[in-house]
Protein backbone atom coordinates (compact mmCIF):
# COMPACT_ATOMS: atom_id res chain seq x y z
CA MET A 1 -29.40 14.32 -259.56
CA SER A 2 -33.09 14.07 -258.72
CA LEU A 3 -34.76 12.15 -255.93
CA HIS A 4 -37.10 9.26 -256.62
CA ALA A 5 -38.15 7.84 -253.25
CA LYS A 6 -37.61 4.11 -252.85
CA ASN A 7 -39.38 1.63 -250.64
CA GLN A 8 -37.24 0.46 -247.72
CA GLU A 9 -40.01 -0.93 -245.52
CA GLU A 10 -39.69 -4.57 -246.57
CA ILE A 11 -36.41 -6.48 -246.34
CA PRO A 12 -36.10 -8.84 -249.33
CA SER A 13 -37.00 -12.38 -248.26
CA GLU A 14 -33.75 -13.87 -249.55
CA THR A 15 -31.75 -11.32 -247.54
CA VAL A 16 -33.74 -12.21 -244.41
CA GLN A 17 -33.25 -15.94 -244.96
CA VAL A 18 -29.50 -15.72 -245.46
CA ALA A 19 -28.93 -13.21 -242.65
CA LYS A 20 -30.83 -15.34 -240.12
CA ALA A 21 -28.87 -18.41 -241.23
CA VAL A 22 -25.51 -16.66 -241.01
CA PHE A 23 -26.30 -15.02 -237.65
CA PRO A 24 -28.45 -17.59 -235.78
CA LYS A 25 -27.72 -15.85 -232.46
CA GLY A 26 -28.37 -12.42 -233.83
CA ASN A 27 -26.20 -9.47 -234.71
CA ALA A 28 -26.16 -5.84 -233.61
CA TYR A 29 -27.27 -4.55 -237.01
CA LEU A 30 -29.97 -7.20 -237.37
CA ARG A 31 -31.34 -6.24 -233.95
CA LEU A 32 -31.20 -2.58 -234.90
CA ARG A 33 -33.36 -3.18 -237.97
CA ASP A 34 -35.74 -5.49 -236.11
CA GLU A 35 -36.23 -3.02 -233.24
CA LEU A 36 -36.26 0.32 -235.09
CA ASP A 37 -37.30 -0.72 -238.61
CA VAL A 38 -36.38 1.96 -241.22
CA ILE A 39 -34.17 4.60 -239.59
CA TYR A 40 -33.88 7.20 -242.36
CA THR A 41 -36.42 7.68 -245.14
CA ASP A 42 -35.83 9.23 -248.54
CA GLU A 43 -38.60 11.76 -247.90
CA SER A 44 -36.59 13.21 -245.00
CA PHE A 45 -33.98 14.45 -247.49
CA ALA A 46 -36.26 15.30 -250.41
CA ASP A 47 -35.61 19.04 -250.15
CA LEU A 48 -31.89 18.49 -250.80
CA PHE A 49 -32.45 17.16 -254.32
CA PRO A 50 -34.02 18.62 -257.48
CA ARG A 51 -37.20 17.04 -258.77
CA ARG A 52 -35.79 16.46 -262.22
CA GLY A 53 -32.59 14.89 -263.47
CA GLN A 54 -30.69 11.66 -263.10
CA PRO A 55 -32.08 9.53 -260.23
CA ALA A 56 -30.00 9.73 -257.07
CA GLU A 57 -29.02 6.88 -254.79
CA SER A 58 -31.45 6.50 -251.90
CA PRO A 59 -30.50 9.34 -249.49
CA GLY A 60 -32.09 7.46 -246.60
CA ARG A 61 -29.72 4.56 -247.20
CA LEU A 62 -26.77 6.89 -247.77
CA ALA A 63 -27.51 8.57 -244.44
CA LEU A 64 -27.46 5.21 -242.67
CA VAL A 65 -24.28 4.14 -244.48
CA THR A 66 -22.68 7.41 -243.36
CA VAL A 67 -23.51 6.59 -239.75
CA LEU A 68 -22.25 3.01 -240.06
CA GLN A 69 -19.09 4.24 -241.75
CA PHE A 70 -18.36 6.59 -238.86
CA ALA A 71 -19.18 3.95 -236.25
CA GLU A 72 -16.72 1.48 -237.77
CA GLY A 73 -14.08 4.02 -238.81
CA LEU A 74 -14.22 3.07 -242.49
CA SER A 75 -13.01 4.99 -245.52
CA ASP A 76 -15.46 5.75 -248.32
CA ARG A 77 -14.07 2.84 -250.35
CA GLN A 78 -14.39 0.45 -247.41
CA ALA A 79 -17.95 1.58 -246.66
CA ALA A 80 -19.02 1.13 -250.28
CA GLU A 81 -17.44 -2.33 -250.26
CA ALA A 82 -19.32 -3.20 -247.05
CA VAL A 83 -22.62 -2.31 -248.74
CA ARG A 84 -21.79 -4.78 -251.52
CA SER A 85 -20.37 -7.59 -249.43
CA ARG A 86 -21.72 -7.66 -245.88
CA ILE A 87 -24.92 -9.53 -245.09
CA ASP A 88 -25.61 -7.59 -241.88
CA TRP A 89 -25.35 -4.26 -243.73
CA LYS A 90 -27.68 -5.46 -246.49
CA TYR A 91 -30.20 -6.57 -243.85
CA LEU A 92 -30.09 -3.23 -242.05
CA LEU A 93 -30.29 -1.31 -245.33
CA GLY A 94 -33.07 -3.52 -246.74
CA LEU A 95 -31.10 -4.50 -249.86
CA GLU A 96 -31.24 -7.48 -252.16
CA LEU A 97 -28.30 -9.86 -251.83
CA LYS A 98 -27.36 -9.19 -255.45
CA ASP A 99 -27.44 -5.40 -254.99
CA ALA A 100 -24.07 -4.13 -256.25
CA GLY A 101 -24.18 -0.94 -254.19
CA PHE A 102 -22.71 2.29 -255.53
CA ASP A 103 -19.45 3.98 -256.32
CA TYR A 104 -17.62 5.16 -253.20
CA SER A 105 -17.59 8.78 -254.47
CA VAL A 106 -21.35 8.96 -253.83
CA LEU A 107 -20.69 9.14 -250.07
CA SER A 108 -18.54 12.25 -250.38
CA GLU A 109 -21.14 13.84 -252.66
CA PHE A 110 -23.86 13.10 -250.12
CA ARG A 111 -21.88 14.67 -247.27
CA SER A 112 -21.20 17.73 -249.43
CA ARG A 113 -24.91 18.02 -250.18
CA LEU A 114 -25.73 17.89 -246.46
CA LEU A 115 -23.19 20.63 -245.73
CA ALA A 116 -24.29 22.79 -248.64
CA HIS A 117 -27.84 22.79 -247.27
CA SER A 118 -26.76 23.08 -243.59
CA ALA A 119 -28.49 19.75 -243.04
CA GLU A 120 -25.70 17.86 -241.29
CA GLU A 121 -27.60 17.77 -237.99
CA ARG A 122 -30.49 15.84 -239.54
CA LEU A 123 -28.70 12.52 -239.13
CA LEU A 124 -28.70 12.78 -235.35
CA ASP A 125 -31.95 14.72 -234.99
CA GLN A 126 -33.97 12.19 -236.97
CA LEU A 127 -32.42 9.32 -235.07
CA VAL A 128 -33.34 11.01 -231.78
CA GLU A 129 -36.94 11.40 -232.95
CA LEU A 130 -37.06 7.70 -233.78
CA LEU A 131 -35.59 6.77 -230.39
CA LYS A 132 -38.18 8.97 -228.67
CA ALA A 133 -40.97 7.23 -230.57
CA HIS A 134 -39.68 3.88 -229.31
CA LYS A 135 -39.59 5.17 -225.68
CA LEU A 136 -35.82 4.72 -225.49
CA ILE A 137 -35.25 8.26 -224.19
CA LYS A 138 -36.72 8.94 -220.78
CA GLU A 139 -38.81 12.07 -220.51
CA ARG A 140 -37.19 14.57 -218.13
CA GLY A 141 -34.53 12.05 -217.18
CA SER A 142 -30.80 12.50 -216.59
CA GLN A 143 -28.23 13.60 -219.17
CA ARG A 144 -24.55 14.38 -219.06
CA THR A 145 -22.36 16.57 -221.25
CA ASP A 146 -18.61 16.50 -221.76
CA ALA A 147 -16.17 17.86 -224.30
CA THR A 148 -13.31 16.43 -226.31
CA HIS A 149 -10.78 18.14 -228.53
CA ILE A 150 -10.89 18.01 -232.33
CA CYS A 151 -7.55 18.53 -234.04
CA SER A 152 -7.52 20.47 -237.28
CA ALA A 153 -6.50 18.34 -240.27
CA THR A 154 -3.62 20.69 -241.05
CA ARG A 155 0.07 20.55 -240.26
CA LYS A 156 1.42 22.64 -237.41
CA LEU A 157 3.02 25.83 -238.71
CA ASN A 158 5.38 28.27 -237.06
CA ARG A 159 4.71 31.96 -237.69
CA LEU A 160 7.06 32.22 -240.65
CA GLU A 161 5.69 29.09 -242.29
CA LYS A 162 2.18 30.39 -241.73
CA VAL A 163 2.65 33.73 -243.48
CA GLY A 164 4.47 32.07 -246.37
CA GLU A 165 1.79 29.42 -246.77
CA THR A 166 -0.98 32.01 -246.44
CA LEU A 167 0.42 34.05 -249.31
CA ARG A 168 1.04 30.89 -251.33
CA ALA A 169 -2.54 29.71 -250.71
CA ALA A 170 -3.93 33.06 -251.87
CA LEU A 171 -1.81 32.96 -255.04
CA ASN A 172 -2.89 29.41 -255.83
CA SER A 173 -6.53 30.29 -255.29
CA LEU A 174 -6.33 33.39 -257.49
CA ALA A 175 -4.57 31.35 -260.18
CA GLY A 176 -7.79 29.38 -260.46
CA VAL A 177 -10.15 32.35 -260.15
CA ALA A 178 -8.41 34.88 -262.40
CA PRO A 179 -5.27 33.37 -264.01
CA ASP A 180 -4.77 36.11 -266.60
CA TRP A 181 -5.19 38.88 -264.02
CA LEU A 182 -2.63 37.23 -261.73
CA ARG A 183 -0.14 36.36 -264.48
CA ALA A 184 -0.02 39.98 -265.61
CA ARG A 185 1.14 41.15 -262.17
CA VAL A 186 3.20 38.48 -260.43
CA PRO A 187 6.99 38.86 -260.91
CA GLN A 188 9.10 35.85 -261.85
CA GLU A 189 10.80 35.61 -258.46
CA TRP A 190 7.44 34.93 -256.80
CA TYR A 191 7.16 31.67 -258.71
CA GLU A 192 10.48 30.62 -257.19
CA ARG A 193 9.65 31.96 -253.73
CA TYR A 194 6.12 30.53 -253.42
CA GLY A 195 5.99 27.75 -255.99
CA ALA A 196 6.79 25.01 -253.46
CA ARG A 197 5.28 24.41 -250.05
CA VAL A 198 6.80 26.64 -247.38
CA GLU A 199 8.50 24.40 -244.84
CA ALA A 200 10.82 25.11 -241.93
CA TYR A 201 13.78 23.16 -243.29
CA ARG A 202 13.85 25.39 -246.39
CA LEU A 203 13.73 28.64 -244.44
CA PRO A 204 16.74 30.67 -243.29
CA LYS A 205 18.25 29.53 -239.99
CA LYS A 206 20.19 32.62 -238.91
CA GLU A 207 18.16 35.40 -237.33
CA PRO A 208 19.12 38.25 -239.73
CA GLU A 209 18.23 36.15 -242.80
CA TRP A 210 15.11 34.85 -241.06
CA GLU A 211 13.88 38.37 -240.32
CA ALA A 212 14.71 39.53 -243.84
CA TYR A 213 12.66 36.68 -245.30
CA ALA A 214 9.73 37.52 -243.00
CA ILE A 215 9.79 41.15 -244.15
CA GLN A 216 10.05 40.10 -247.80
CA VAL A 217 6.97 37.87 -247.46
CA GLY A 218 5.16 40.71 -245.70
CA GLU A 219 5.94 43.18 -248.48
CA ASP A 220 4.86 40.68 -251.13
CA GLY A 221 1.59 40.13 -249.30
CA TYR A 222 0.92 43.86 -249.03
CA GLN A 223 1.69 44.20 -252.75
CA LEU A 224 -0.85 41.51 -253.62
CA LEU A 225 -3.48 43.18 -251.44
CA GLU A 226 -2.83 46.53 -253.17
CA TRP A 227 -3.44 44.89 -256.54
CA VAL A 228 -6.59 43.23 -255.21
CA TYR A 229 -8.11 46.50 -254.02
CA GLU A 230 -7.37 48.50 -257.15
CA GLU A 231 -10.52 49.95 -258.69
CA ALA A 232 -10.24 47.91 -261.90
CA THR A 233 -9.77 44.57 -260.13
CA PRO A 234 -12.46 41.98 -261.01
CA GLN A 235 -14.99 41.44 -258.23
CA GLU A 236 -14.34 37.69 -258.13
CA VAL A 237 -10.75 38.44 -257.11
CA ARG A 238 -11.85 40.64 -254.21
CA ASP A 239 -14.42 38.07 -253.13
CA ASP A 240 -11.97 35.17 -253.03
CA PRO A 241 -12.01 33.77 -249.44
CA ALA A 242 -8.25 33.15 -249.58
CA VAL A 243 -7.70 36.89 -250.07
CA GLU A 244 -9.69 37.67 -246.92
CA VAL A 245 -7.64 35.11 -244.98
CA LEU A 246 -4.48 36.80 -246.28
CA ARG A 247 -5.73 40.20 -245.13
CA GLN A 248 -6.56 38.92 -241.65
CA VAL A 249 -3.25 37.11 -241.20
CA TRP A 250 -1.34 40.20 -242.32
CA VAL A 251 -3.20 42.31 -239.74
CA GLN A 252 -2.24 39.77 -237.09
CA GLU A 253 1.42 39.32 -238.09
CA TYR A 254 2.53 42.62 -239.70
CA TYR A 255 2.04 46.36 -239.58
CA ARG A 256 3.16 49.21 -241.82
CA GLU A 257 4.69 52.43 -240.61
CA GLU A 258 6.00 55.17 -242.90
CA ASP A 259 5.89 52.80 -245.88
CA HIS A 260 8.01 50.22 -244.06
CA THR A 261 6.80 46.70 -243.27
CA HIS A 262 7.32 45.47 -239.70
CA TRP A 263 7.04 41.98 -238.22
CA ARG A 264 4.95 42.11 -235.06
CA LYS A 265 6.69 41.22 -231.81
CA PRO A 266 4.94 38.77 -229.49
CA ASP A 267 3.86 41.57 -227.13
CA ASN A 268 2.18 43.38 -230.06
CA SER A 269 0.31 40.36 -231.44
CA PRO A 270 -3.16 38.99 -230.73
CA PRO A 271 -3.23 36.13 -228.21
CA GLY A 272 -2.79 32.67 -229.70
CA GLU A 273 -6.45 31.75 -229.24
CA GLN A 274 -7.47 34.65 -231.52
CA ARG A 275 -4.93 34.15 -234.30
CA ILE A 276 -5.52 32.21 -237.50
CA GLN A 277 -3.27 29.16 -237.27
CA SER A 278 -3.48 27.88 -240.84
CA PRO A 279 -4.80 29.35 -244.11
CA TYR A 280 -6.32 25.97 -244.91
CA ASP A 281 -8.56 25.95 -241.83
CA PRO A 282 -8.96 29.61 -240.83
CA GLN A 283 -11.58 28.90 -238.14
CA ALA A 284 -9.28 26.53 -236.22
CA ARG A 285 -7.82 28.05 -233.08
CA TYR A 286 -5.14 27.21 -230.54
CA SER A 287 -6.18 26.10 -227.08
CA LYS A 288 -4.68 24.40 -224.05
CA LYS A 289 -6.37 22.40 -221.32
CA ARG A 290 -4.11 21.23 -218.55
CA GLU A 291 -1.31 19.29 -220.31
CA GLN A 292 -3.13 19.03 -223.66
CA ASP A 293 -2.69 21.69 -226.31
CA TRP A 294 -4.06 21.58 -229.84
CA VAL A 295 -5.21 23.59 -232.84
CA GLY A 296 -8.79 22.98 -233.88
CA TYR A 297 -12.14 22.84 -232.13
CA LYS A 298 -14.07 21.24 -229.27
CA ALA A 299 -16.95 18.80 -229.60
CA HIS A 300 -19.51 18.77 -226.79
CA VAL A 301 -21.41 15.49 -226.57
CA THR A 302 -24.62 15.11 -224.56
CA GLU A 303 -25.94 11.64 -223.76
CA THR A 304 -28.71 10.19 -221.65
CA CYS A 305 -27.60 8.37 -218.51
CA ASP A 306 -30.72 6.92 -216.90
CA ALA A 307 -30.13 3.58 -215.18
CA ALA A 308 -33.09 1.76 -216.74
CA HIS A 309 -32.55 3.06 -220.28
CA PRO A 310 -29.76 2.74 -222.85
CA HIS A 311 -27.22 5.55 -222.80
CA LEU A 312 -27.78 7.41 -226.07
CA ILE A 313 -26.11 10.45 -227.62
CA VAL A 314 -28.83 13.05 -228.20
CA HIS A 315 -26.91 16.22 -229.07
CA VAL A 316 -23.50 17.23 -230.40
CA ALA A 317 -22.19 20.79 -230.65
CA THR A 318 -18.91 22.05 -232.08
CA THR A 319 -17.30 25.23 -230.75
CA PRO A 320 -14.00 27.06 -231.26
CA ALA A 321 -11.29 25.40 -229.18
CA PRO A 322 -10.71 28.37 -226.81
CA GLN A 323 -14.39 28.98 -226.03
CA ALA A 324 -15.25 28.37 -222.39
CA ASP A 325 -17.43 25.31 -221.89
CA SER A 326 -19.83 27.31 -219.73
CA ALA A 327 -20.62 29.63 -222.66
CA LEU A 328 -22.29 26.71 -224.44
CA VAL A 329 -24.81 25.84 -221.73
CA PRO A 330 -27.64 28.28 -222.65
CA ALA A 331 -27.53 27.28 -226.33
CA LEU A 332 -27.34 23.61 -225.37
CA HIS A 333 -30.45 23.80 -223.20
CA GLN A 334 -32.25 25.74 -225.93
CA ALA A 335 -31.38 23.00 -228.45
CA LEU A 336 -32.57 20.25 -226.11
CA ALA A 337 -35.80 22.16 -225.54
CA ALA A 338 -36.35 22.42 -229.31
CA LYS A 339 -35.98 18.63 -229.54
CA HIS A 340 -38.35 18.16 -226.57
CA ILE A 341 -35.75 16.13 -224.67
CA LEU A 342 -34.90 18.43 -221.77
CA PRO A 343 -33.47 16.55 -218.78
CA GLN A 344 -34.47 16.95 -215.16
CA GLU A 345 -30.83 16.55 -214.12
CA HIS A 346 -27.87 17.68 -216.20
CA LEU A 347 -24.49 16.30 -215.11
CA VAL A 348 -21.45 18.32 -216.16
CA ASP A 349 -17.86 18.92 -215.09
CA SER A 350 -16.62 22.14 -213.51
CA GLY A 351 -15.85 23.76 -216.87
CA TYR A 352 -19.58 24.06 -217.64
CA LEU A 353 -20.51 25.39 -214.22
CA ASN A 354 -20.99 28.92 -213.07
CA ALA A 355 -23.48 30.44 -210.69
CA GLY A 356 -25.49 32.14 -213.42
CA GLN A 357 -25.97 28.87 -215.30
CA LEU A 358 -27.24 27.15 -212.15
CA VAL A 359 -29.93 29.78 -211.64
CA ASN A 360 -30.94 30.26 -215.27
CA ALA A 361 -31.18 26.55 -216.05
CA GLN A 362 -33.56 26.04 -213.14
CA LYS A 363 -35.57 29.18 -213.86
CA ASP A 364 -35.85 28.82 -217.64
CA TYR A 365 -36.07 25.05 -218.09
CA GLY A 366 -36.53 23.44 -214.68
CA ILE A 367 -33.12 21.76 -215.01
CA GLN A 368 -30.95 20.97 -212.02
CA ILE A 369 -27.30 21.22 -213.03
CA ILE A 370 -25.13 18.80 -211.06
CA GLY A 371 -21.36 18.85 -211.03
CA GLN A 372 -18.19 19.73 -209.19
CA PRO A 373 -18.18 23.52 -208.92
CA ILE A 374 -14.99 25.52 -209.13
CA PRO A 375 -13.93 25.87 -205.49
CA ASP A 376 -13.57 29.09 -203.56
CA THR A 377 -9.89 29.80 -204.23
CA SER A 378 -9.39 32.53 -201.61
CA TRP A 379 -6.48 31.89 -199.25
CA GLN A 380 -8.92 31.85 -196.37
CA THR A 381 -10.76 28.86 -197.83
CA ARG A 382 -7.56 27.10 -198.86
CA ALA A 383 -6.21 27.51 -195.34
CA THR A 384 -7.59 24.76 -193.15
CA GLN A 385 -8.58 27.26 -190.45
CA GLY A 386 -9.33 30.36 -192.52
CA PHE A 387 -12.69 32.11 -192.80
CA GLY A 388 -14.09 31.74 -196.33
CA HIS A 389 -17.32 33.11 -197.77
CA ALA A 390 -19.35 30.25 -196.34
CA ASP A 391 -18.38 31.30 -192.80
CA PHE A 392 -20.15 34.65 -193.12
CA ARG A 393 -23.87 35.12 -192.50
CA ILE A 394 -25.68 37.24 -195.09
CA ASP A 395 -28.91 39.14 -194.48
CA TRP A 396 -30.00 39.86 -198.04
CA ASP A 397 -32.99 41.97 -197.04
CA LYS A 398 -31.01 44.29 -194.78
CA GLN A 399 -27.90 44.10 -197.00
CA VAL A 400 -25.69 43.32 -194.06
CA VAL A 401 -23.05 40.60 -193.65
CA THR A 402 -22.01 39.29 -190.24
CA CYS A 403 -18.52 37.83 -189.81
CA PRO A 404 -17.63 34.81 -187.61
CA ALA A 405 -16.64 37.25 -184.84
CA GLN A 406 -20.16 38.76 -185.01
CA HIS A 407 -19.12 42.10 -186.50
CA SER A 408 -21.47 43.63 -189.08
CA SER A 409 -20.35 44.96 -192.45
CA ALA A 410 -20.07 48.70 -193.00
CA GLU A 411 -20.57 48.89 -196.78
CA TRP A 412 -22.66 46.99 -199.34
CA GLY A 413 -22.40 48.00 -202.99
CA ALA A 414 -23.38 46.57 -206.37
CA GLY A 415 -20.77 46.27 -209.10
CA LYS A 416 -19.39 43.99 -211.81
CA ASP A 417 -16.38 41.70 -211.93
CA LYS A 418 -13.77 41.52 -214.71
CA GLN A 419 -16.12 39.45 -216.87
CA GLY A 420 -18.93 41.98 -216.47
CA ILE A 421 -20.95 39.71 -214.16
CA PRO A 422 -22.99 41.51 -211.47
CA VAL A 423 -21.49 41.13 -208.00
CA ILE A 424 -21.84 42.64 -204.54
CA ARG A 425 -18.82 44.11 -202.77
CA VAL A 426 -18.90 44.11 -198.98
CA LYS A 427 -16.49 45.91 -196.65
CA PHE A 428 -15.93 45.66 -192.90
CA ARG A 429 -14.65 48.43 -190.62
CA LYS A 430 -10.94 48.69 -189.96
CA GLU A 431 -11.80 49.43 -186.35
CA ASP A 432 -13.50 46.04 -186.05
CA CYS A 433 -10.96 43.97 -187.99
CA GLN A 434 -7.60 45.31 -186.78
CA PRO A 435 -7.99 44.40 -183.08
CA CYS A 436 -10.02 41.21 -183.76
CA PRO A 437 -8.38 38.09 -182.21
CA ALA A 438 -9.45 36.07 -185.28
CA ARG A 439 -7.85 38.53 -187.71
CA GLU A 440 -5.08 36.15 -188.86
CA LYS A 441 -7.72 33.71 -190.05
CA CYS A 442 -9.66 36.39 -191.88
CA THR A 443 -7.52 39.09 -193.52
CA HIS A 444 -3.88 40.06 -194.06
CA THR A 445 -4.60 43.65 -195.00
CA GLN A 446 -2.78 46.22 -192.87
CA ASN A 447 -4.75 49.30 -193.89
CA GLY A 448 -8.37 48.30 -193.72
CA GLY A 449 -10.93 45.65 -192.88
CA ARG A 450 -12.00 42.43 -194.56
CA THR A 451 -13.65 42.72 -197.96
CA LEU A 452 -15.89 40.20 -199.72
CA THR A 453 -16.98 39.97 -203.34
CA ILE A 454 -20.07 37.80 -203.64
CA ARG A 455 -22.61 36.95 -206.33
CA THR A 456 -26.18 38.17 -206.28
CA GLN A 457 -28.48 36.29 -203.91
CA ALA A 458 -29.90 33.67 -206.27
CA GLU A 459 -26.49 32.83 -207.74
CA TYR A 460 -24.69 32.84 -204.39
CA GLU A 461 -27.20 30.54 -202.75
CA ALA A 462 -27.28 28.16 -205.72
CA LEU A 463 -23.49 27.90 -205.73
CA GLN A 464 -23.23 27.39 -201.97
CA THR A 465 -25.93 24.72 -202.08
CA LEU A 466 -24.07 22.84 -204.82
CA ARG A 467 -20.74 23.11 -202.98
CA GLN A 468 -22.29 21.70 -199.83
CA ALA A 469 -23.96 18.88 -201.78
CA VAL A 470 -20.70 17.63 -203.32
CA HIS A 471 -18.67 17.73 -200.12
């Protein structure tokens, strides 16, 4: 298909007349067109289409239909029907009343074209630019970010179902890529073993038979991989993505020792958040947050939240489900800077907060991150009368810490914590701590003095300031 840009600037007069008559008090979509005019233009998507060939449907209109479809939760068929039948949609799209629309399959083709050109973010980015032009996004205002889970559109598989389905998926894929090559190698019993979908109710129930089936699947998978990596194997077979998924799953679930195939025990397997959960969505990962567990991803949504302006979504990012929310913050601020919509205040929950982010956001972008920080979890702080970090006075220049009983630290050393983050480790003298009358509020150690592990100065002070502000 080729692109021939179409004029969307003028709404047909008959469409205007009927829409105003049908909606005398207005309508959300009518107001949207009246306030923002044309939202997506064909020229914005011109690079996605060849210059020659059959004319394509207006990509600007398809982009807007895609947004409306998502907003109303419609299927492709329902969205295409709405284009044909709904007056408010025709008004927003600038269509003639008699416009018959398009076949519903065009919407799927348009989404595929966006993905193929890595252009899926254009829908939101161009809308944000339009909203900025209409002064609907406050410059250096307030924004907030939160995450929600996205469940993979695959069925939940146990380990045995997963390996069986992974091998079956690879065989089905290769049957399309190189049918003659596969037919010449696969034994007849494989057609019986992997011809139907692998499901728990069909699998052995007793442990010996269950383990034997797991080993049989493992050996079959290794056999297929040996065929794949033979020197004479066609390159398209080796390059098949389903084969790579098979290889990775077999590394995670099996190992070979002295020509014997072994099923990995749980203590010899990668953690759940690193394992492929389904061959049909190999990037989806397992995660758990409080009482919610799922296989899939996380979507991080950032919206404006200024009192005198509409609250508008300005950025969306998708991450693997197990990834810590705080790991997204630098990339998020970089993306907002690229769009020229950096906030002055960024409201987040505790998952996005760490001391380094507080300092770097202020230093790099002039952003004040606001949220509930993860509390000091030491027993001293949790005890109503214990001495936590905030009760100690730190002289950063002299590298000395003074405790509530006015004893000075004996050691000050730089190091790193388990995550590789720079910290400072402080130790007090046993001779000061052991006889101290406040010892029970400070330390339970029997063989030494109190120790503290604190962040570097900028991070420590930023975190303490935030903790004081929210209490």
